Protein backbone atom coordinates (compact mmCIF):
# COMPACT_ATOMS: atom_id res chain seq x y z
CA MET A 1 -2.59 3.75 -28.22
CA ASP A 2 -2.62 6.28 -25.31
CA GLN A 3 0.71 5.40 -24.12
CA ALA A 4 -0.62 6.52 -20.35
CA GLU A 5 -2.16 3.05 -20.73
CA LEU A 6 1.69 1.43 -20.07
CA SER A 7 3.33 3.21 -17.37
CA GLY A 8 5.22 3.20 -14.13
CA ILE A 9 6.87 0.14 -12.31
CA TRP A 10 5.88 -3.43 -13.37
CA THR A 11 7.68 -6.22 -11.95
CA ALA A 12 8.39 -9.95 -14.06
CA ILE A 13 7.94 -13.02 -11.24
CA HIS A 14 9.18 -16.39 -10.98
CA THR A 15 6.50 -19.72 -10.53
CA PRO A 16 6.76 -20.99 -7.36
CA PHE A 17 6.56 -24.82 -7.13
CA ASP A 18 5.64 -27.00 -4.54
CA SER A 19 7.79 -29.59 -2.92
CA ASN A 20 5.85 -32.00 -6.03
CA LEU A 21 6.67 -29.56 -8.47
CA ARG A 22 3.36 -28.63 -9.10
CA ILE A 23 2.04 -25.08 -9.05
CA ASP A 24 2.35 -23.68 -5.60
CA GLU A 25 -1.12 -21.99 -6.49
CA THR A 26 -1.68 -20.98 -2.35
CA GLY A 27 1.56 -19.45 -2.85
CA LEU A 28 1.54 -17.35 -6.14
CA ARG A 29 -1.58 -15.41 -4.83
CA ASP A 30 0.53 -14.92 -1.62
CA ASN A 31 3.18 -13.26 -4.58
CA VAL A 32 0.73 -11.28 -6.12
CA ARG A 33 -1.00 -9.74 -3.47
CA HIS A 34 1.93 -9.11 -1.73
CA LEU A 35 3.35 -7.43 -5.05
CA SER A 36 0.44 -5.76 -4.78
CA ALA A 37 -0.35 -4.82 -0.91
CA THR A 38 2.73 -4.03 -0.23
CA LEU A 39 4.65 -3.33 -2.85
CA LYS A 40 1.84 -1.15 -4.64
CA LEU A 41 3.55 -1.41 -7.71
CA ASP A 42 1.66 -0.44 -11.39
CA GLY A 43 1.99 -3.89 -13.11
CA VAL A 44 3.05 -7.40 -12.74
CA PHE A 45 4.42 -9.71 -15.95
CA CYS A 46 3.91 -13.01 -15.72
CA SER A 47 5.03 -16.87 -17.62
CA GLY A 48 8.36 -15.44 -18.88
CA ILE A 49 11.80 -16.50 -18.98
CA MET A 50 11.78 -15.69 -15.16
CA GLY A 51 8.29 -17.89 -14.93
CA GLU A 52 10.30 -20.92 -16.51
CA PHE A 53 7.40 -20.83 -19.43
CA TRP A 54 9.50 -23.26 -21.36
CA ALA A 55 8.53 -25.96 -18.42
CA LEU A 56 4.79 -24.93 -18.59
CA THR A 57 1.55 -27.04 -19.99
CA LEU A 58 -0.34 -24.75 -21.68
CA ALA A 59 -3.31 -25.59 -19.00
CA GLU A 60 -0.41 -24.36 -16.56
CA ARG A 61 -0.09 -20.99 -18.01
CA ALA A 62 -3.39 -20.69 -19.07
CA ARG A 63 -4.60 -21.43 -14.99
CA ILE A 64 -1.52 -19.14 -14.15
CA ILE A 65 -2.87 -16.35 -15.94
CA ASP A 66 -6.30 -16.99 -14.11
CA ILE A 67 -5.21 -16.86 -10.35
CA VAL A 68 -2.30 -13.55 -11.19
CA VAL A 69 -5.56 -11.42 -12.93
CA ALA A 70 -7.85 -12.39 -9.99
CA GLU A 71 -5.14 -11.32 -7.06
CA ALA A 72 -3.93 -8.27 -9.07
CA GLN A 73 -7.29 -6.25 -10.36
CA PRO A 74 -8.62 -4.29 -9.78
CA ASP A 75 -5.59 -2.84 -8.00
CA MET A 76 -2.58 -3.66 -10.68
CA ARG A 77 -2.45 -4.55 -14.04
CA VAL A 78 -1.57 -7.24 -15.66
CA SER A 79 0.68 -8.59 -19.27
CA VAL A 80 1.22 -12.37 -19.78
CA MET A 81 3.89 -13.80 -22.06
CA THR A 82 1.99 -15.36 -23.96
CA THR A 83 4.54 -16.94 -27.05
CA HIS A 84 4.62 -20.98 -26.91
CA HIS A 85 6.57 -22.88 -30.06
CA SER A 86 3.56 -23.31 -32.04
CA LEU A 87 1.78 -20.45 -33.82
CA CYS A 88 -1.83 -21.79 -33.01
CA GLU A 89 -1.55 -22.50 -29.64
CA THR A 90 0.14 -19.20 -29.37
CA ILE A 91 -2.99 -17.62 -30.71
CA GLU A 92 -4.80 -20.03 -28.44
CA LEU A 93 -3.72 -19.15 -25.09
CA SER A 94 -3.54 -15.11 -25.64
CA ARG A 95 -7.44 -15.22 -27.07
CA HIS A 96 -7.08 -17.06 -23.01
CA ALA A 97 -5.42 -13.98 -21.42
CA GLU A 98 -8.09 -12.03 -23.08
CA SER A 99 -10.99 -13.22 -21.61
CA ALA A 100 -9.60 -13.64 -18.16
CA GLY A 101 -9.18 -10.12 -18.41
CA THR A 102 -5.32 -9.23 -18.87
CA ASP A 103 -4.20 -5.63 -19.67
CA PHE A 104 -1.77 -6.67 -22.50
CA ILE A 105 -0.40 -9.46 -24.01
CA ALA A 106 3.58 -10.09 -24.45
CA LEU A 107 4.77 -12.27 -27.30
CA MET A 108 8.68 -12.76 -27.52
CA ASN A 109 10.85 -12.90 -30.61
CA PRO A 110 9.45 -16.33 -32.36
CA PHE A 111 12.40 -18.76 -30.40
CA VAL A 112 11.61 -21.27 -33.42
CA GLY A 113 10.75 -21.28 -37.09
CA PRO A 114 11.24 -17.62 -38.77
CA ARG A 115 13.51 -15.87 -38.70
CA SER A 116 13.80 -13.90 -41.76
CA ASP A 117 12.37 -9.71 -41.18
CA ASP A 118 9.47 -11.01 -43.44
CA ALA A 119 8.99 -14.62 -41.72
CA VAL A 120 9.18 -12.58 -38.65
CA HIS A 121 6.73 -9.99 -39.67
CA ARG A 122 4.16 -12.41 -41.27
CA TYR A 123 4.10 -14.37 -37.71
CA PHE A 124 3.30 -10.94 -35.45
CA SER A 125 0.31 -10.21 -37.97
CA THR A 126 -1.15 -13.08 -37.84
CA ILE A 127 -1.59 -12.85 -34.26
CA CYS A 128 -2.33 -9.16 -34.67
CA ASP A 129 -5.58 -10.61 -37.23
CA GLU A 130 -6.34 -13.02 -34.74
CA VAL A 131 -6.56 -11.28 -31.24
CA GLU A 132 -7.97 -7.51 -30.14
CA ALA A 133 -5.15 -7.90 -26.93
CA LYS A 134 -3.17 -4.97 -26.40
CA ILE A 135 0.71 -6.46 -27.46
CA ILE A 136 4.18 -6.01 -25.99
CA LEU A 137 7.01 -7.19 -28.09
CA PHE A 138 9.66 -8.72 -25.53
CA ASN A 139 12.83 -8.51 -27.88
CA THR A 140 14.78 -10.44 -26.22
CA PRO A 141 18.61 -12.50 -26.80
CA ALA A 142 17.64 -15.60 -25.10
CA PHE A 143 16.98 -17.78 -28.27
CA GLY A 144 20.29 -16.17 -29.98
CA TYR A 145 18.96 -13.49 -31.83
CA VAL A 146 16.83 -9.87 -31.32
CA MET A 147 14.77 -8.27 -33.74
CA SER A 148 16.84 -4.79 -35.18
CA ALA A 149 15.43 -1.66 -34.51
CA ASP A 150 13.97 -1.83 -38.38
CA LEU A 151 12.04 -4.45 -37.68
CA VAL A 152 10.72 -3.27 -34.66
CA ALA A 153 9.67 0.03 -36.34
CA GLN A 154 7.87 -1.79 -38.89
CA LEU A 155 6.06 -4.25 -36.10
CA SER A 156 5.23 -0.59 -33.87
CA SER A 157 2.09 -0.07 -37.42
CA LEU A 158 0.72 -2.99 -36.57
CA PRO A 159 -2.92 -2.00 -34.31
CA ASN A 160 -2.18 -4.04 -31.75
CA VAL A 161 1.64 -3.08 -30.98
CA CYS A 162 1.81 -0.81 -28.21
CA ALA A 163 5.11 -1.40 -26.50
CA VAL A 164 8.65 -3.19 -26.70
CA LYS A 165 10.64 -4.50 -24.47
CA THR A 166 14.03 -3.65 -25.57
CA THR A 167 16.98 -6.19 -23.41
CA GLY A 168 19.91 -5.16 -26.34
CA SER A 169 22.29 -3.15 -26.14
CA GLU A 170 21.48 0.32 -25.71
CA ASN A 171 22.59 2.09 -28.79
CA GLU A 172 19.52 -0.58 -29.72
CA THR A 173 17.41 0.83 -27.87
CA GLU A 174 18.19 4.65 -28.35
CA ARG A 175 17.47 3.60 -32.20
CA VAL A 176 14.48 1.63 -31.53
CA ARG A 177 13.70 4.81 -29.51
CA THR A 178 14.49 6.86 -32.86
CA LEU A 179 12.66 5.32 -34.83
CA CYS A 180 9.00 4.94 -33.20
CA GLY A 181 9.08 5.75 -30.09
CA ASP A 182 6.03 8.15 -30.65
CA ARG A 183 3.92 5.72 -31.74
CA ILE A 184 4.70 2.62 -29.09
CA VAL A 185 6.05 2.79 -25.36
CA VAL A 186 9.69 1.83 -25.91
CA SER A 187 11.11 0.28 -22.34
CA ASP A 188 14.59 -0.55 -21.57
CA PRO A 189 13.54 -2.67 -18.27
CA GLU A 190 16.58 -2.84 -16.21
CA GLU A 191 16.33 -1.43 -12.91
CA ALA A 192 20.24 -0.12 -12.82
CA ARG A 193 19.24 2.33 -15.60
CA TRP A 194 15.94 3.74 -14.54
CA LEU A 195 16.59 6.91 -13.48
CA ASN A 196 18.34 8.02 -16.58
CA ASN A 197 15.93 6.47 -19.04
CA MET A 198 12.99 7.98 -17.16
CA THR A 199 15.14 11.78 -16.37
CA VAL A 200 17.34 11.83 -20.43
CA HIS A 201 15.00 9.83 -22.94
CA GLY A 202 11.16 10.29 -21.42
CA GLN A 203 11.04 6.91 -20.73
CA GLN A 204 7.55 6.06 -18.66
CA ALA A 205 7.63 2.35 -17.77
CA LEU A 206 9.76 0.03 -16.35
CA TYR A 207 8.60 -3.06 -17.57
CA ALA A 208 9.41 -5.45 -16.98
CA ASP A 209 11.96 -7.33 -14.32
CA PRO A 210 12.30 -8.75 -11.32
CA GLU A 211 14.47 -6.12 -9.48
CA PRO A 212 11.54 -4.07 -8.00
CA TYR A 213 10.31 -6.99 -6.00
CA LEU A 214 13.84 -8.55 -5.27
CA TYR A 215 15.29 -5.06 -4.05
CA GLN A 216 12.08 -4.29 -2.14
CA ARG A 217 9.89 -5.43 0.83
CA ALA A 218 7.69 -3.18 3.46
CA GLY A 219 9.62 -0.44 4.49
CA PHE A 220 12.31 -0.22 2.48
CA GLN A 221 10.83 0.88 -0.97
CA PRO A 222 13.52 2.08 -2.41
CA ILE A 223 13.37 1.83 -6.21
CA ILE A 224 9.25 3.35 -5.31
CA GLU A 225 11.30 6.17 -3.99
CA TYR A 226 13.24 7.82 -6.11
CA THR A 227 11.02 7.20 -8.91
CA ALA A 228 8.57 9.43 -7.09
CA ALA A 229 11.19 12.17 -6.42
CA ALA A 230 12.19 12.18 -9.58
CA ARG A 231 8.77 12.27 -11.18
CA ALA A 232 8.29 15.32 -8.45
CA GLY A 233 11.30 17.47 -10.43
CA ASN A 234 13.78 16.81 -7.24
CA LEU A 235 16.89 14.98 -9.05
CA ALA A 236 19.06 15.56 -6.46
CA ARG A 237 17.21 13.12 -3.82
CA ALA A 238 16.58 10.78 -6.84
CA GLN A 239 19.71 9.87 -7.35
CA GLU A 240 21.10 10.02 -3.72
CA VAL A 241 18.06 7.23 -3.09
CA ALA A 242 19.04 4.89 -6.36
CA ALA A 243 22.12 5.38 -4.68
CA THR A 244 21.73 3.35 -2.11
CA ILE A 245 20.72 0.00 -3.84
CA GLU A 246 24.08 -0.07 -5.85
CA SER A 247 25.22 -2.95 -3.42
CA ILE A 248 22.36 -4.87 -3.99
CA ARG A 249 22.12 -4.21 -8.05
CA ARG A 250 26.10 -5.91 -7.66
CA ILE A 251 24.79 -8.92 -6.21
CA TYR A 252 21.50 -8.84 -8.55
CA THR A 253 24.31 -8.84 -11.64
CA LYS A 254 26.58 -11.38 -10.65
CA TRP A 255 23.27 -13.80 -9.69
CA ILE A 256 20.96 -13.12 -12.26
CA MET A 257 22.18 -10.79 -14.80
CA GLU A 258 25.41 -12.52 -15.78
CA PRO A 259 24.22 -16.27 -15.84
CA LEU A 260 21.22 -15.87 -18.26
CA LYS A 261 23.22 -13.00 -20.69
CA SER A 262 25.69 -16.13 -20.90
CA GLY A 263 23.16 -17.94 -21.66
CA VAL A 264 22.53 -20.27 -18.36
CA MET A 265 19.18 -19.48 -16.82
CA PRO A 266 19.24 -18.31 -13.20
CA ASN A 267 15.97 -19.45 -12.12
CA ALA A 268 17.33 -21.44 -9.03
CA ALA A 269 19.16 -18.46 -7.76
CA LEU A 270 15.94 -15.98 -8.46
CA LYS A 271 14.31 -18.53 -6.27
CA CYS A 272 16.76 -19.17 -3.77
CA TRP A 273 16.48 -15.19 -3.59
CA ALA A 274 12.66 -14.99 -3.32
CA GLU A 275 12.28 -17.37 -0.19
CA ALA A 276 14.96 -15.88 1.42
CA ILE A 277 12.95 -12.19 1.27
CA GLY A 278 10.17 -14.27 2.50
CA MET A 279 8.28 -14.79 -1.17
CA ALA A 280 6.53 -18.34 -2.31
CA ALA A 281 8.95 -19.81 -4.77
CA GLY A 282 9.91 -23.62 -4.24
CA PRO A 283 12.65 -25.60 -6.64
CA VAL A 284 13.20 -25.33 -10.26
CA ARG A 285 11.96 -28.03 -13.03
CA LYS A 286 14.06 -29.90 -14.87
CA PRO A 287 16.00 -29.66 -17.28
CA LEU A 288 17.17 -26.87 -14.80
CA THR A 289 19.17 -28.00 -11.32
CA PRO A 290 18.90 -26.27 -7.80
CA LEU A 291 21.49 -23.77 -6.74
CA LEU A 292 24.55 -25.84 -4.85
CA SER A 293 24.35 -25.56 -1.02
CA THR A 294 27.94 -23.64 -1.54
CA ASP A 295 26.25 -21.21 -3.79
CA LYS A 296 23.33 -20.99 -1.79
CA ARG A 297 25.20 -19.85 1.55
CA LYS A 298 27.12 -17.92 -0.52
CA LEU A 299 24.21 -15.70 -1.90
CA LEU A 300 22.39 -15.60 1.59
CA ASP A 301 25.47 -14.34 2.88
CA GLU A 302 25.74 -11.80 0.45
CA LEU A 303 21.81 -10.71 0.97
CA ALA A 304 22.21 -10.35 4.41
CA GLY A 305 25.49 -8.63 3.91
CA VAL A 306 23.58 -5.67 2.45
CA GLY A 307 19.94 -6.10 4.86
CA LEU A 308 17.78 -7.36 2.51
CA LEU A 309 17.30 -10.36 5.01
């Protein structure tokens, strides 16, 4: 793969629901237009962990793909997570994503069934045999394990695999870079490490977490600003701008990353934050629960305190 194909600032979006817990299609369209026209992001990743993929039917996931592609392209690239507990339905959804015109499909390490390196390799190899789409590996600890750097290196030789989103430790990410960074794009998705990853490790894509839309709005785009400064060789300016959002990062860590890393899905807090900055979000689906009114007030007060509202 030409590694320039996956570059720039990508974000992972939530799935908005209406009051009846149906997909808010109008809200989803508006959100994607906001990412493209207002924030001018390079790419959008949908139906992942932040998108409550586990609560969606296959038909709903296919519909989300159609809407996001229609609203994003040609100005913004699209990737979609197509992993399902059934390998057959993973392939079915991946083929739908191909036909809809997505740029990449993202595949998580399988969350049920295969766990040995050989079995996981067969899992991905089978999908590669059945689809032509470019594949981004989403190596997440959300299911109780991560694929080793050695296994990711083996998978990087599969013809469709073009990138990996690494969500393990920084040491593990560095080992992945060492083993296969010359063959595929290696992306640590956390914004807090993006500037260092760009300037020290040559990371070319921030793929893909929610920070780029949670932190930014019209007239306030610090991630884009410091990224541009770093790429222009003005590291001092990049560091100066990046430092201005440290207080926002602390809120994100508290409400999103710390719960996620402890096994608690933070989607309700994510949606509360998104609605507060003017995006469609709505409730979460069971078995998740809404934020307690006291927690919602605390989050909103913290966001107001750093000027995001």
